Protein backbone atom coordinates (compact mmCIF):
# COMPACT_ATOMS: atom_id res chain seq x y z
CA MET A 1 -72.65 92.10 121.13
CA LYS A 2 -72.44 90.62 117.65
CA PRO A 3 -74.79 87.67 117.09
CA LEU A 4 -73.16 84.28 116.72
CA LYS A 5 -72.89 82.66 113.29
CA PHE A 6 -74.04 79.04 112.99
CA SER A 7 -72.80 76.42 110.58
CA TYR A 8 -73.26 72.65 110.25
CA PHE A 9 -70.70 69.98 109.40
CA GLN A 10 -72.32 68.31 106.41
CA LEU A 11 -70.60 64.92 106.65
CA THR A 12 -72.54 64.08 109.81
CA PHE A 13 -75.70 63.86 107.69
CA GLY A 14 -74.18 60.73 106.15
CA GLN A 15 -72.18 59.84 103.08
CA GLN A 16 -75.17 59.39 100.76
CA GLU A 17 -76.52 62.88 101.39
CA THR A 18 -73.10 64.51 101.59
CA TYR A 19 -71.74 63.25 98.30
CA LEU A 20 -74.73 62.15 96.21
CA CYS A 21 -77.54 64.50 97.34
CA PRO A 22 -75.80 67.59 98.80
CA GLU A 23 -78.70 69.88 97.89
CA VAL A 24 -80.73 68.22 100.65
CA THR A 25 -78.29 69.59 103.24
CA TYR A 26 -78.45 73.11 101.83
CA GLN A 27 -82.26 73.01 101.84
CA ARG A 28 -82.31 71.85 105.47
CA LEU A 29 -79.79 74.41 106.71
CA LYS A 30 -81.54 77.26 104.91
CA ARG A 31 -84.90 76.18 106.35
CA PHE A 32 -83.62 76.25 109.92
CA GLY A 33 -81.72 79.53 109.65
CA TYR A 34 -78.08 78.49 109.46
CA ASP A 35 -75.49 80.98 108.24
CA ALA A 36 -72.98 78.63 106.60
CA ILE A 37 -71.98 75.04 105.88
CA GLU A 38 -68.80 73.10 106.69
CA LEU A 39 -67.62 70.57 104.11
CA CYS A 40 -65.45 67.47 103.95
CA PRO A 41 -64.01 66.73 100.48
CA PRO A 42 -64.54 63.28 98.95
CA LYS A 43 -61.32 61.42 99.58
CA GLY A 44 -60.39 57.87 100.38
CA ARG A 45 -63.10 55.31 100.88
CA TYR A 46 -65.86 57.72 101.83
CA GLY A 47 -66.32 59.82 98.68
CA LEU A 48 -68.64 57.33 96.92
CA GLY A 49 -66.90 57.94 93.61
CA VAL A 50 -67.41 61.71 93.49
CA GLY A 51 -64.37 63.49 92.08
CA LEU A 52 -62.92 66.66 93.58
CA GLU A 53 -63.54 68.76 90.46
CA GLN A 54 -67.20 67.74 90.35
CA TYR A 55 -67.50 68.27 94.11
CA VAL A 56 -66.12 71.82 93.96
CA ALA A 57 -68.36 72.78 91.04
CA THR A 58 -71.44 71.41 92.79
CA HIS A 59 -70.78 73.30 96.02
CA LYS A 60 -69.92 76.54 94.26
CA LYS A 61 -73.37 76.48 92.70
CA LEU A 62 -75.23 75.33 95.82
CA SER A 63 -73.45 77.86 98.04
CA ALA A 64 -74.42 80.68 95.67
CA ASP A 65 -77.98 79.44 95.12
CA PHE A 66 -78.76 79.09 98.84
CA GLY A 67 -76.67 81.99 100.14
CA LEU A 68 -74.72 79.69 102.47
CA PRO A 69 -70.95 80.30 102.40
CA VAL A 70 -68.49 77.52 103.28
CA SER A 71 -67.29 78.17 106.83
CA CYS A 72 -64.51 75.58 106.85
CA VAL A 73 -63.16 72.58 104.93
CA ASN A 74 -62.52 69.63 107.22
CA GLU A 75 -59.54 67.44 106.34
CA CYS A 76 -61.10 64.36 107.92
CA TRP A 77 -58.58 62.08 109.64
CA GLY A 78 -60.77 59.45 111.31
CA GLU A 79 -60.09 55.79 110.48
CA MET A 80 -63.78 55.19 109.68
CA TRP A 81 -63.67 57.79 106.90
CA ASP A 82 -60.10 57.88 105.72
CA PRO A 83 -58.05 54.79 104.82
CA TYR A 84 -54.83 56.71 105.45
CA SER A 85 -55.53 57.30 109.15
CA PRO A 86 -54.44 56.58 111.81
CA ASN A 87 -52.07 53.95 110.40
CA TYR A 88 -50.82 55.87 107.39
CA LYS A 89 -51.65 59.60 107.60
CA THR A 90 -50.30 61.04 110.84
CA LEU A 91 -48.39 63.95 112.31
CA THR A 92 -45.82 61.89 114.23
CA GLU A 93 -43.74 59.88 111.71
CA PRO A 94 -41.94 61.35 108.69
CA LYS A 95 -43.40 59.26 105.82
CA THR A 96 -46.99 59.42 107.06
CA ALA A 97 -46.62 63.08 107.98
CA ALA A 98 -45.52 63.78 104.40
CA LEU A 99 -48.73 62.14 103.21
CA ALA A 100 -50.68 64.28 105.69
CA VAL A 101 -49.08 67.41 104.22
CA SER A 102 -49.99 66.31 100.70
CA GLU A 103 -53.60 65.46 101.57
CA THR A 104 -54.08 68.66 103.57
CA SER A 105 -52.69 70.68 100.67
CA SER A 106 -55.39 69.28 98.40
CA SER A 107 -58.04 70.30 100.96
CA ILE A 108 -56.49 73.77 101.06
CA ASP A 109 -56.95 73.92 97.28
CA VAL A 110 -60.62 73.00 97.72
CA ALA A 111 -61.03 75.70 100.37
CA ALA A 112 -59.43 78.31 98.13
CA GLU A 113 -61.75 77.38 95.25
CA LEU A 114 -64.81 77.62 97.51
CA ASN A 115 -63.70 80.83 99.30
CA ALA A 116 -63.61 78.97 102.61
CA PRO A 117 -61.40 80.79 105.12
CA LEU A 118 -60.29 77.74 107.13
CA VAL A 119 -59.10 74.14 106.82
CA THR A 120 -59.14 71.82 109.82
CA VAL A 121 -56.09 69.75 110.71
CA ALA A 122 -56.51 66.96 113.27
CA VAL A 123 -54.00 64.93 115.28
CA ALA A 124 -53.36 61.30 114.39
CA ILE A 125 -50.42 59.33 115.74
CA HIS A 126 -48.34 56.62 114.08
CA ALA A 127 -47.57 54.73 117.31
CA PRO A 128 -48.14 55.32 121.03
CA ILE A 129 -46.56 58.53 122.31
CA THR A 130 -44.41 58.13 125.41
CA ARG A 131 -42.19 60.30 127.55
CA ASP A 132 -39.25 58.88 125.61
CA ASN A 133 -40.45 59.72 122.09
CA VAL A 134 -42.65 62.79 122.58
CA ARG A 135 -39.89 65.24 121.69
CA GLU A 136 -39.09 63.47 118.43
CA CYS A 137 -42.79 63.12 117.51
CA SER A 138 -43.43 66.76 118.31
CA ALA A 139 -40.60 67.80 116.00
CA VAL A 140 -42.14 65.80 113.14
CA ALA A 141 -45.52 67.41 113.82
CA VAL A 142 -44.08 70.92 113.90
CA ASP A 143 -42.29 70.39 110.59
CA ALA A 144 -45.47 69.04 108.95
CA LEU A 145 -47.57 71.91 110.28
CA ARG A 146 -45.05 74.45 108.99
CA GLN A 147 -45.28 72.96 105.51
CA MET A 148 -49.10 73.02 105.67
CA CYS A 149 -49.08 76.63 106.87
CA ASP A 150 -46.69 77.77 104.16
CA TYR A 151 -48.86 76.21 101.46
CA ALA A 152 -52.04 77.60 103.02
CA ARG A 153 -50.55 81.10 103.03
CA ARG A 154 -49.95 80.91 99.29
CA ARG A 155 -53.64 80.04 98.81
CA GLN A 156 -54.79 82.72 101.34
CA VAL A 157 -56.31 80.10 103.66
CA ARG A 158 -55.78 79.65 107.39
CA LEU A 159 -55.53 76.38 109.30
CA VAL A 160 -57.28 75.40 112.52
CA PHE A 161 -55.78 72.65 114.66
CA GLU A 162 -58.38 70.50 116.44
CA ALA A 163 -57.73 69.16 119.92
CA THR A 164 -58.89 65.53 119.98
CA ASN A 165 -59.45 63.14 122.88
CA HIS A 166 -56.93 60.45 123.75
CA LEU A 167 -59.38 57.58 123.16
CA GLU A 168 -59.80 58.45 119.47
CA MET A 169 -56.45 59.87 118.39
CA GLY A 170 -54.05 58.77 121.12
CA LYS A 171 -52.35 60.54 124.00
CA PHE A 172 -50.74 63.45 122.19
CA VAL A 173 -51.61 67.14 122.19
CA ASN A 174 -55.10 66.53 123.64
CA THR A 175 -55.71 69.93 125.27
CA VAL A 176 -55.91 73.43 123.84
CA LEU A 177 -52.87 74.45 125.89
CA ASN A 178 -50.80 71.71 124.26
CA HIS A 179 -52.15 72.71 120.86
CA LYS A 180 -51.08 76.25 121.62
CA ARG A 181 -47.58 75.05 122.58
CA LEU A 182 -47.19 73.16 119.31
CA ILE A 183 -48.58 76.07 117.28
CA GLU A 184 -46.14 78.46 118.92
CA ARG A 185 -43.26 76.15 117.94
CA THR A 186 -44.25 76.42 114.26
CA GLY A 187 -43.52 80.13 114.23
CA ARG A 188 -46.47 80.62 111.87
CA ASP A 189 -49.33 83.06 112.35
CA ASN A 190 -51.87 81.44 110.02
CA ILE A 191 -52.72 78.46 112.24
CA GLY A 192 -55.16 78.64 115.14
CA ILE A 193 -57.19 76.35 117.40
CA GLN A 194 -60.46 74.57 116.76
CA ILE A 195 -62.22 73.29 119.89
CA ASP A 196 -64.58 70.34 119.47
CA TRP A 197 -66.69 70.22 122.62
CA PHE A 198 -67.13 66.45 122.46
CA HIS A 199 -63.35 66.00 122.65
CA ALA A 200 -62.91 68.83 125.13
CA ASN A 201 -65.43 67.16 127.42
CA PHE A 202 -62.86 64.37 127.95
CA GLU A 203 -59.72 66.44 128.31
CA GLU A 204 -60.35 69.98 129.55
CA LEU A 205 -60.85 71.05 133.16
CA ASN A 206 -63.99 72.98 132.23
CA PRO A 207 -65.36 74.62 129.09
CA TYR A 208 -64.99 78.22 130.22
CA GLU A 209 -61.33 77.69 131.05
CA ALA A 210 -60.75 75.92 127.71
CA VAL A 211 -62.02 78.97 125.81
CA MET A 212 -59.78 81.25 127.83
CA ASP A 213 -56.76 78.95 127.41
CA ALA A 214 -57.23 78.99 123.63
CA GLN A 215 -57.05 82.78 123.33
CA PRO A 216 -56.10 84.52 121.11
CA LEU A 217 -55.98 81.53 118.74
CA LEU A 218 -59.59 80.30 118.98
CA TRP A 219 -60.78 80.65 115.38
CA HIS A 220 -63.30 77.83 114.97
CA MET A 221 -65.41 75.44 117.05
CA HIS A 222 -67.40 72.24 116.67
CA PHE A 223 -70.49 72.18 118.85
CA ARG A 224 -71.04 68.51 119.65
CA ASP A 225 -72.36 67.43 123.03
CA SER A 226 -70.77 65.06 125.55
CA ASN A 227 -72.55 62.05 124.01
CA SER A 228 -71.62 63.12 120.44
CA LEU A 229 -75.21 64.25 119.77
CA THR A 230 -76.56 67.68 118.87
CA PRO A 231 -76.02 70.45 121.47
CA GLY A 232 -78.49 70.19 124.33
CA TYR A 233 -78.76 66.41 124.21
CA GLY A 234 -75.81 65.86 126.58
CA THR A 235 -74.04 67.52 129.51
CA VAL A 236 -71.64 70.13 128.08
CA ASP A 237 -72.23 73.52 129.70
CA PHE A 238 -72.84 75.50 126.52
CA LYS A 239 -74.02 78.52 128.49
CA ALA A 240 -70.51 78.78 129.92
CA VAL A 241 -68.98 78.24 126.48
CA ILE A 242 -71.04 81.00 124.89
CA ARG A 243 -70.55 83.36 127.82
CA ALA A 244 -66.78 82.90 127.43
CA ILE A 245 -66.71 83.44 123.67
CA LYS A 246 -68.94 86.50 124.01
CA LYS A 247 -66.47 87.95 126.51
CA CYS A 248 -63.59 87.22 124.16
CA GLY A 249 -65.29 88.68 121.09
CA TYR A 250 -65.21 85.41 119.14
CA GLU A 251 -65.92 86.04 115.45
CA GLY A 252 -65.74 82.52 114.01
CA CYS A 253 -68.54 80.10 113.26
CA CYS A 254 -70.24 77.84 115.76
CA THR A 255 -70.40 74.66 113.69
CA ILE A 256 -72.78 71.99 114.93
CA GLU A 257 -71.70 68.38 114.53
CA SER A 258 -73.91 65.48 115.55
CA ALA A 259 -73.05 61.82 115.14
CA PRO A 260 -75.24 59.84 115.00
CA MET A 261 -78.24 61.89 113.83
CA ILE A 262 -80.60 61.19 116.70
CA PRO A 263 -83.59 61.13 116.42
CA ASP A 264 -83.37 62.21 112.74
CA PRO A 265 -81.43 64.79 110.68
CA ASP A 266 -84.14 67.46 110.59
CA THR A 267 -84.82 67.30 114.33
CA ALA A 268 -81.14 67.30 115.24
CA ALA A 269 -80.41 70.28 112.98
CA ARG A 270 -83.42 72.23 114.25
CA ASP A 271 -82.88 71.43 117.93
CA GLY A 272 -79.16 72.22 117.80
CA ILE A 273 -79.50 75.77 116.48
CA GLU A 274 -82.58 76.55 118.59
CA TYR A 275 -80.82 75.36 121.75
CA LEU A 276 -77.65 77.33 121.06
CA ARG A 277 -79.62 80.46 120.23
CA MET A 278 -81.38 80.16 123.58
CA MET A 279 -78.00 79.70 125.31
CA GLU A 280 -76.80 82.81 123.47
CA ARG A 281 -79.74 84.86 124.76
CA ILE A 282 -79.11 83.66 128.32
CA ALA A 283 -75.37 84.32 128.09
CA GLU A 284 -75.93 87.85 126.79
CA TYR A 285 -78.30 88.58 129.66
CA GLN A 286 -75.83 87.13 132.17
CA LEU A 287 -73.17 89.50 130.81
CA ASP A 288 -75.52 92.50 130.84
CA PRO A 289 -75.24 94.97 133.75
CA ASP A 290 -78.98 94.46 134.33
CA PHE A 291 -78.31 90.87 135.44
CA PRO A 292 -79.76 89.40 137.66
CA ASN A 293 -82.19 92.00 139.02
CA GLY A 294 -83.43 93.59 135.81
CA PHE A 295 -81.75 96.94 136.43
CA THR A 296 -78.24 98.34 136.39
CA VAL A 297 -76.82 99.56 139.68
CA ALA A 298 -76.20 103.28 139.31
């Protein structure tokens, strides 16, 4: 079995480090054995004045210097980080969906410049989704996703659609099966699914089934525990997750995301990768014909 590749979502180390001292993140990830880094471009209120051109140049150099490729560019949609969302940048109303297409296109440009293979698209809603308006809202979302996909294809970048929980982004497309339904309606083959295990903990029946439901479109994952902390600090069954992705031959990154950084950034980054590596060793043994007796039945 191929070893898993581990990445870390830089923004969770905080805005100061992410935009003003990004080399600190690269040093930390290299020290603890990470394979890649996930980035969030400086947009809206959270960029601390850093321009996109400067940002791209900085990360091109840091990525090369530390040997850490960019695993994904996250088009962050949360209200705390982005003044356009959820009131202005959404997938469910034409004007705000047009803004979502424009903003996502600029993140696709960043990804292309940094040789990142993926850009994350999240779900934000303009108003509550009901049985009466879900068809209309879905049509707006499909049209927006098609435009994003068509632009991403021109830049040789793929999109990953993140299933989010209903408490954060509203009751719309909260499970991987509903993400798959919407993706299928786009008719595009350059958009897949990103599972965030914090969100999935709210919505999915169990983690193993979520991985299976997402096939063959599971291209990226965020490893965040049930309490939003680093993997191992909560209750998500990451052994089951890793056993499932090993069975499916998952080739994407396992990107750790921890918010807040408890007890501190170094400990969270170290504990997260060490815990998941241990889960990987256990999962591989559980899938080995020697399990559980130490020998293979002839």
